[in-house]
PDB file of N, CA and C in Angstrom:
ATOM      1  N   MET A   1      -4.625 -13.468  -9.023  1.00  0.00           N
ATOM      2  CA  MET A   1      -4.913 -14.368  -7.920  1.00  0.00           C
ATOM      3  C   MET A   1      -4.429 -15.781  -8.196  1.00  0.00           C
ATOM      4  N   GLU A   2      -4.224 -16.118  -9.438  1.00  0.00           N
ATOM      5  CA  GLU A   2      -3.842 -17.487  -9.767  1.00  0.00           C
ATOM      6  C   GLU A   2      -2.339 -17.662  -9.945  1.00  0.00           C
ATOM      7  N   ARG A   3      -1.575 -16.608  -9.747  1.00  0.00           N
ATOM      8  CA  ARG A   3      -0.130 -16.735  -9.857  1.00  0.00           C
ATOM      9  C   ARG A   3       0.508 -16.366  -8.518  1.00  0.00           C
ATOM     10  N   PRO A   4       1.707 -16.876  -8.256  1.00  0.00           N
ATOM     11  CA  PRO A   4       2.337 -16.590  -6.967  1.00  0.00           C
ATOM     12  C   PRO A   4       2.708 -15.115  -6.836  1.00  0.00           C
ATOM     13  N   ILE A   5       2.699 -14.636  -5.624  1.00  0.00           N
ATOM     14  CA  ILE A   5       3.124 -13.270  -5.327  1.00  0.00           C
ATOM     15  C   ILE A   5       4.631 -13.310  -5.147  1.00  0.00           C
ATOM     16  N   ARG A   6       5.346 -12.575  -5.986  1.00  0.00           N
ATOM     17  CA  ARG A   6       6.809 -12.658  -6.007  1.00  0.00           C
ATOM     18  C   ARG A   6       7.506 -11.483  -5.316  1.00  0.00           C
ATOM     19  N   THR A   7       6.833 -10.357  -5.183  1.00  0.00           N
ATOM     20  CA  THR A   7       7.471  -9.176  -4.599  1.00  0.00           C
ATOM     21  C   THR A   7       6.544  -8.525  -3.579  1.00  0.00           C
ATOM     22  N   LEU A   8       7.108  -7.655  -2.774  1.00  0.00           N
ATOM     23  CA  LEU A   8       6.289  -6.915  -1.816  1.00  0.00           C
ATOM     24  C   LEU A   8       5.343  -5.960  -2.533  1.00  0.00           C
ATOM     25  N   LYS A   9       5.749  -5.436  -3.677  1.00  0.00           N
ATOM     26  CA  LYS A   9       4.855  -4.560  -4.442  1.00  0.00           C
ATOM     27  C   LYS A   9       3.637  -5.341  -4.925  1.00  0.00           C
ATOM     28  N   GLU A  10       3.856  -6.566  -5.397  1.00  0.00           N
ATOM     29  CA  GLU A  10       2.727  -7.409  -5.810  1.00  0.00           C
ATOM     30  C   GLU A  10       1.839  -7.735  -4.618  1.00  0.00           C
ATOM     31  N   LEU A  11       2.445  -7.961  -3.464  1.00  0.00           N
ATOM     32  CA  LEU A  11       1.673  -8.226  -2.240  1.00  0.00           C
ATOM     33  C   LEU A  11       0.791  -7.032  -1.899  1.00  0.00           C
ATOM     34  N   ALA A  12       1.341  -5.831  -1.966  1.00  0.00           N
ATOM     35  CA  ALA A  12       0.567  -4.630  -1.663  1.00  0.00           C
ATOM     36  C   ALA A  12      -0.603  -4.469  -2.627  1.00  0.00           C
ATOM     37  N   ILE A  13      -0.372  -4.725  -3.894  1.00  0.00           N
ATOM     38  CA  ILE A  13      -1.437  -4.603  -4.896  1.00  0.00           C
ATOM     39  C   ILE A  13      -2.538  -5.622  -4.631  1.00  0.00           C
ATOM     40  N   GLN A  14      -2.163  -6.869  -4.373  1.00  0.00           N
ATOM     41  CA  GLN A  14      -3.156  -7.920  -4.101  1.00  0.00           C
ATOM     42  C   GLN A  14      -3.945  -7.596  -2.836  1.00  0.00           C
ATOM     43  N   PHE A  15      -3.252  -7.200  -1.781  1.00  0.00           N
ATOM     44  CA  PHE A  15      -3.917  -6.863  -0.525  1.00  0.00           C
ATOM     45  C   PHE A  15      -4.899  -5.717  -0.741  1.00  0.00           C
ATOM     46  N   CYS A  16      -4.467  -4.724  -1.493  1.00  0.00           N
ATOM     47  CA  CYS A  16      -5.308  -3.556  -1.777  1.00  0.00           C
ATOM     48  C   CYS A  16      -6.568  -3.971  -2.539  1.00  0.00           C
ATOM     49  N   CYS A  17      -6.413  -4.866  -3.493  1.00  0.00           N
ATOM     50  CA  CYS A  17      -7.559  -5.321  -4.288  1.00  0.00           C
ATOM     51  C   CYS A  17      -8.541  -6.163  -3.472  1.00  0.00           C
ATOM     52  N   LEU A  18      -8.039  -6.860  -2.473  1.00  0.00           N
ATOM     53  CA  LEU A  18      -8.869  -7.792  -1.711  1.00  0.00           C
ATOM     54  C   LEU A  18      -9.429  -7.215  -0.418  1.00  0.00           C
ATOM     55  N   THR A  19      -8.995  -6.020  -0.052  1.00  0.00           N
ATOM     56  CA  THR A  19      -9.360  -5.442   1.245  1.00  0.00           C
ATOM     57  C   THR A  19     -10.153  -4.158   1.061  1.00  0.00           C
ATOM     58  N   GLU A  20     -11.150  -3.981   1.878  1.00  0.00           N
ATOM     59  CA  GLU A  20     -11.880  -2.710   1.906  1.00  0.00           C
ATOM     60  C   GLU A  20     -10.961  -1.638   2.494  1.00  0.00           C
ATOM     61  N   CYS A  21     -11.114  -0.423   2.042  1.00  0.00           N
ATOM     62  CA  CYS A  21     -10.250   0.672   2.507  1.00  0.00           C
ATOM     63  C   CYS A  21     -10.300   0.832   4.032  1.00  0.00           C
ATOM     64  N   ASP A  22     -11.464   0.632   4.626  1.00  0.00           N
ATOM     65  CA  ASP A  22     -11.594   0.785   6.077  1.00  0.00           C
ATOM     66  C   ASP A  22     -10.739  -0.211   6.850  1.00  0.00           C
ATOM     67  N   ASN A  23     -10.347  -1.315   6.224  1.00  0.00           N
ATOM     68  CA  ASN A  23      -9.542  -2.340   6.880  1.00  0.00           C
ATOM     69  C   ASN A  23      -8.074  -2.290   6.478  1.00  0.00           C
ATOM     70  N   CYS A  24      -7.695  -1.288   5.729  1.00  0.00           N
ATOM     71  CA  CYS A  24      -6.323  -1.157   5.240  1.00  0.00           C
ATOM     72  C   CYS A  24      -5.465  -0.414   6.266  1.00  0.00           C
ATOM     73  N   PRO A  25      -4.241  -0.871   6.497  1.00  0.00           N
ATOM     74  CA  PRO A  25      -3.354  -0.179   7.441  1.00  0.00           C
ATOM     75  C   PRO A  25      -3.105   1.286   7.078  1.00  0.00           C
ATOM     76  N   VAL A  26      -3.130   1.613   5.798  1.00  0.00           N
ATOM     77  CA  VAL A  26      -2.940   3.003   5.377  1.00  0.00           C
ATOM     78  C   VAL A  26      -4.038   3.877   5.984  1.00  0.00           C
ATOM     79  N   GLU A  27      -5.243   3.397   5.942  1.00  0.00           N
ATOM     80  CA  GLU A  27      -6.389   4.136   6.500  1.00  0.00           C
ATOM     81  C   GLU A  27      -6.391   4.058   8.029  1.00  0.00           C
ATOM     82  N   ILE A  28      -6.162   2.882   8.570  1.00  0.00           N
ATOM     83  CA  ILE A  28      -6.209   2.680  10.020  1.00  0.00           C
ATOM     84  C   ILE A  28      -5.172   3.543  10.736  1.00  0.00           C
ATOM     85  N   TYR A  29      -3.954   3.572  10.206  1.00  0.00           N
ATOM     86  CA  TYR A  29      -2.856   4.289  10.873  1.00  0.00           C
ATOM     87  C   TYR A  29      -2.580   5.667  10.281  1.00  0.00           C
ATOM     88  N   GLY A  30      -3.435   6.127   9.382  1.00  0.00           N
ATOM     89  CA  GLY A  30      -3.258   7.460   8.804  1.00  0.00           C
ATOM     90  C   GLY A  30      -1.935   7.588   8.059  1.00  0.00           C
ATOM     91  N   TYR A  31      -1.616   6.594   7.250  1.00  0.00           N
ATOM     92  CA  TYR A  31      -0.319   6.531   6.582  1.00  0.00           C
ATOM     93  C   TYR A  31      -0.386   7.093   5.159  1.00  0.00           C
ATOM     94  N   GLU A  32      -1.113   8.139   4.941  1.00  0.00           N
ATOM     95  CA  GLU A  32      -1.195   8.773   3.622  1.00  0.00           C
ATOM     96  C   GLU A  32       0.071   9.587   3.395  1.00  0.00           C
ATOM     97  N   LYS A  33       0.903   9.172   2.459  1.00  0.00           N
ATOM     98  CA  LYS A  33       2.179   9.836   2.185  1.00  0.00           C
ATOM     99  C   LYS A  33       2.193  10.552   0.835  1.00  0.00           C
ATOM    100  N   ARG A  34       1.139  10.378   0.033  1.00  0.00           N
ATOM    101  CA  ARG A  34       1.099  11.021  -1.277  1.00  0.00           C
ATOM    102  C   ARG A  34       0.760  12.501  -1.133  1.00  0.00           C
ATOM    103  N   THR A  35       1.370  13.315  -1.957  1.00  0.00           N
ATOM    104  CA  THR A  35       1.031  14.733  -1.994  1.00  0.00           C
ATOM    105  C   THR A  35      -0.241  14.922  -2.802  1.00  0.00           C
ATOM    106  N   ARG A  36      -0.793  16.090  -2.725  1.00  0.00           N
ATOM    107  CA  ARG A  36      -1.988  16.400  -3.517  1.00  0.00           C
ATOM    108  C   ARG A  36      -1.696  16.236  -5.008  1.00  0.00           C
ATOM    109  N   ASN A  37      -0.525  16.689  -5.434  1.00  0.00           N
ATOM    110  CA  ASN A  37      -0.126  16.554  -6.831  1.00  0.00           C
ATOM    111  C   ASN A  37      -0.030  15.077  -7.241  1.00  0.00           C
ATOM    112  N   GLU A  38       0.547  14.261  -6.374  1.00  0.00           N
ATOM    113  CA  GLU A  38       0.678  12.836  -6.686  1.00  0.00           C
ATOM    114  C   GLU A  38      -0.685  12.164  -6.827  1.00  0.00           C
ATOM    115  N   LYS A  39      -1.628  12.563  -5.991  1.00  0.00           N
ATOM    116  CA  LYS A  39      -2.971  11.976  -6.056  1.00  0.00           C
ATOM    117  C   LYS A  39      -3.757  12.484  -7.256  1.00  0.00           C
ATOM    118  N   GLU A  40      -3.805  13.799  -7.436  1.00  0.00           N
ATOM    119  CA  GLU A  40      -4.697  14.397  -8.421  1.00  0.00           C
ATOM    120  C   GLU A  40      -4.125  14.456  -9.834  1.00  0.00           C
ATOM    121  N   ASN A  41      -2.841  14.718  -9.961  1.00  0.00           N
ATOM    122  CA  ASN A  41      -2.255  14.897 -11.290  1.00  0.00           C
ATOM    123  C   ASN A  41      -1.470  13.677 -11.778  1.00  0.00           C
ATOM    124  N   LEU A  42      -0.718  13.079 -10.878  1.00  0.00           N
ATOM    125  CA  LEU A  42       0.108  11.938 -11.274  1.00  0.00           C
ATOM    126  C   LEU A  42      -0.629  10.612 -11.118  1.00  0.00           C
ATOM    127  N   HIS A  43      -1.753  10.646 -10.398  1.00  0.00           N
ATOM    128  CA  HIS A  43      -2.602   9.465 -10.190  1.00  0.00           C
ATOM    129  C   HIS A  43      -1.827   8.284  -9.591  1.00  0.00           C
ATOM    130  N   ILE A  44      -0.988   8.582  -8.611  1.00  0.00           N
ATOM    131  CA  ILE A  44      -0.248   7.541  -7.894  1.00  0.00           C
ATOM    132  C   ILE A  44      -1.268   6.780  -7.039  1.00  0.00           C
ATOM    133  N   PRO A  45      -1.358   5.455  -7.190  1.00  0.00           N
ATOM    134  CA  PRO A  45      -2.376   4.708  -6.451  1.00  0.00           C
ATOM    135  C   PRO A  45      -2.047   4.582  -4.964  1.00  0.00           C
ATOM    136  N   CYS A  46      -3.063   4.397  -4.195  1.00  0.00           N
ATOM    137  CA  CYS A  46      -2.931   4.263  -2.748  1.00  0.00           C
ATOM    138  C   CYS A  46      -2.087   3.051  -2.360  1.00  0.00           C
ATOM    139  N   CYS A  47      -2.079   2.017  -3.188  1.00  0.00           N
ATOM    140  CA  CYS A  47      -1.299   0.822  -2.840  1.00  0.00           C
ATOM    141  C   CYS A  47       0.189   1.144  -2.728  1.00  0.00           C
ATOM    142  N   CYS A  48       0.635   2.261  -3.284  1.00  0.00           N
ATOM    143  CA  CYS A  48       2.029   2.683  -3.094  1.00  0.00           C
ATOM    144  C   CYS A  48       2.268   3.027  -1.628  1.00  0.00           C
ATOM    145  N   ASN A  49       1.281   3.639  -0.983  1.00  0.00           N
ATOM    146  CA  ASN A  49       1.366   3.896   0.456  1.00  0.00           C
ATOM    147  C   ASN A  49       1.420   2.586   1.224  1.00  0.00           C
ATOM    148  N   LEU A  50       0.608   1.633   0.815  1.00  0.00           N
ATOM    149  CA  LEU A  50       0.573   0.332   1.475  1.00  0.00           C
ATOM    150  C   LEU A  50       1.925  -0.358   1.354  1.00  0.00           C
ATOM    151  N   TYR A  51       2.529  -0.300   0.176  1.00  0.00           N
ATOM    152  CA  TYR A  51       3.857  -0.876  -0.026  1.00  0.00           C
ATOM    153  C   TYR A  51       4.866  -0.229   0.927  1.00  0.00           C
ATOM    154  N   LYS A  52       4.870   1.106   0.999  1.00  0.00           N
ATOM    155  CA  LYS A  52       5.796   1.813   1.896  1.00  0.00           C
ATOM    156  C   LYS A  52       5.550   1.412   3.346  1.00  0.00           C
ATOM    157  N   TRP A  53       4.287   1.247   3.729  1.00  0.00           N
ATOM    158  CA  TRP A  53       3.955   0.843   5.099  1.00  0.00           C
ATOM    159  C   TRP A  53       4.486  -0.560   5.377  1.00  0.00           C
ATOM    160  N   ILE A  54       4.311  -1.488   4.442  1.00  0.00           N
ATOM    161  CA  ILE A  54       4.798  -2.860   4.612  1.00  0.00           C
ATOM    162  C   ILE A  54       6.315  -2.858   4.795  1.00  0.00           C
ATOM    163  N   VAL A  55       7.030  -2.118   3.951  1.00  0.00           N
ATOM    164  CA  VAL A  55       8.487  -2.061   4.045  1.00  0.00           C
ATOM    165  C   VAL A  55       8.913  -1.451   5.380  1.00  0.00           C
ATOM    166  N   GLU A  56       8.256  -0.378   5.773  1.00  0.00           N
ATOM    167  CA  GLU A  56       8.584   0.271   7.054  1.00  0.00           C
ATOM    168  C   GLU A  56       8.372  -0.684   8.230  1.00  0.00           C
ATOM    169  N   GLN A  57       7.271  -1.414   8.210  1.00  0.00           N
ATOM    170  CA  GLN A  57       6.976  -2.353   9.293  1.00  0.00           C
ATOM    171  C   GLN A  57       7.972  -3.507   9.302  1.00  0.00           C
ATOM    172  N   ALA A  58       8.359  -3.985   8.133  1.00  0.00           N
ATOM    173  CA  ALA A  58       9.349  -5.074   8.049  1.00  0.00           C
ATOM    174  C   ALA A  58      10.696  -4.608   8.589  1.00  0.00           C
ATOM    175  N   ASN A  59      11.080  -3.393   8.294  1.00  0.00           N
ATOM    176  CA  ASN A  59      12.350  -2.866   8.797  1.00  0.00           C
ATOM    177  C   ASN A  59      12.309  -2.587  10.288  1.00  0.00           C
ATOM    178  N   ALA A  60      11.144  -2.299  10.817  1.00  0.00           N
ATOM    179  CA  ALA A  60      11.009  -2.006  12.248  1.00  0.00           C
ATOM    180  C   ALA A  60      11.202  -3.261  13.096  1.00  0.00           C
ATOM    181  N   VAL A  61      10.993  -4.427  12.506  1.00  0.00           N
ATOM    182  CA  VAL A  61      11.112  -5.685  13.226  1.00  0.00           C
ATOM    183  C   VAL A  61      12.573  -6.033  13.497  1.00  0.00           C
ATOM    184  N   LYS A  62      13.480  -5.542  12.677  1.00  0.00           N
ATOM    185  CA  LYS A  62      14.907  -5.866  12.797  1.00  0.00           C
ATOM    186  C   LYS A  62      15.493  -5.434  14.108  1.00  0.00           C
TER     187      LYS A  62
END
């Protein structure tokens, strides 16, 4: 929190840490893209979905 956010991945991580899941776009828009294996075995965090959502939304604006 005390250093600047330099990348979209850092933004997704910070947003994820500061926001309740119920208020996250991943939950609101049903943007779960991880497979069962990625969640249970590889332990890919949900903020990866948030990052993908941010990138998708940024590209949609073009």
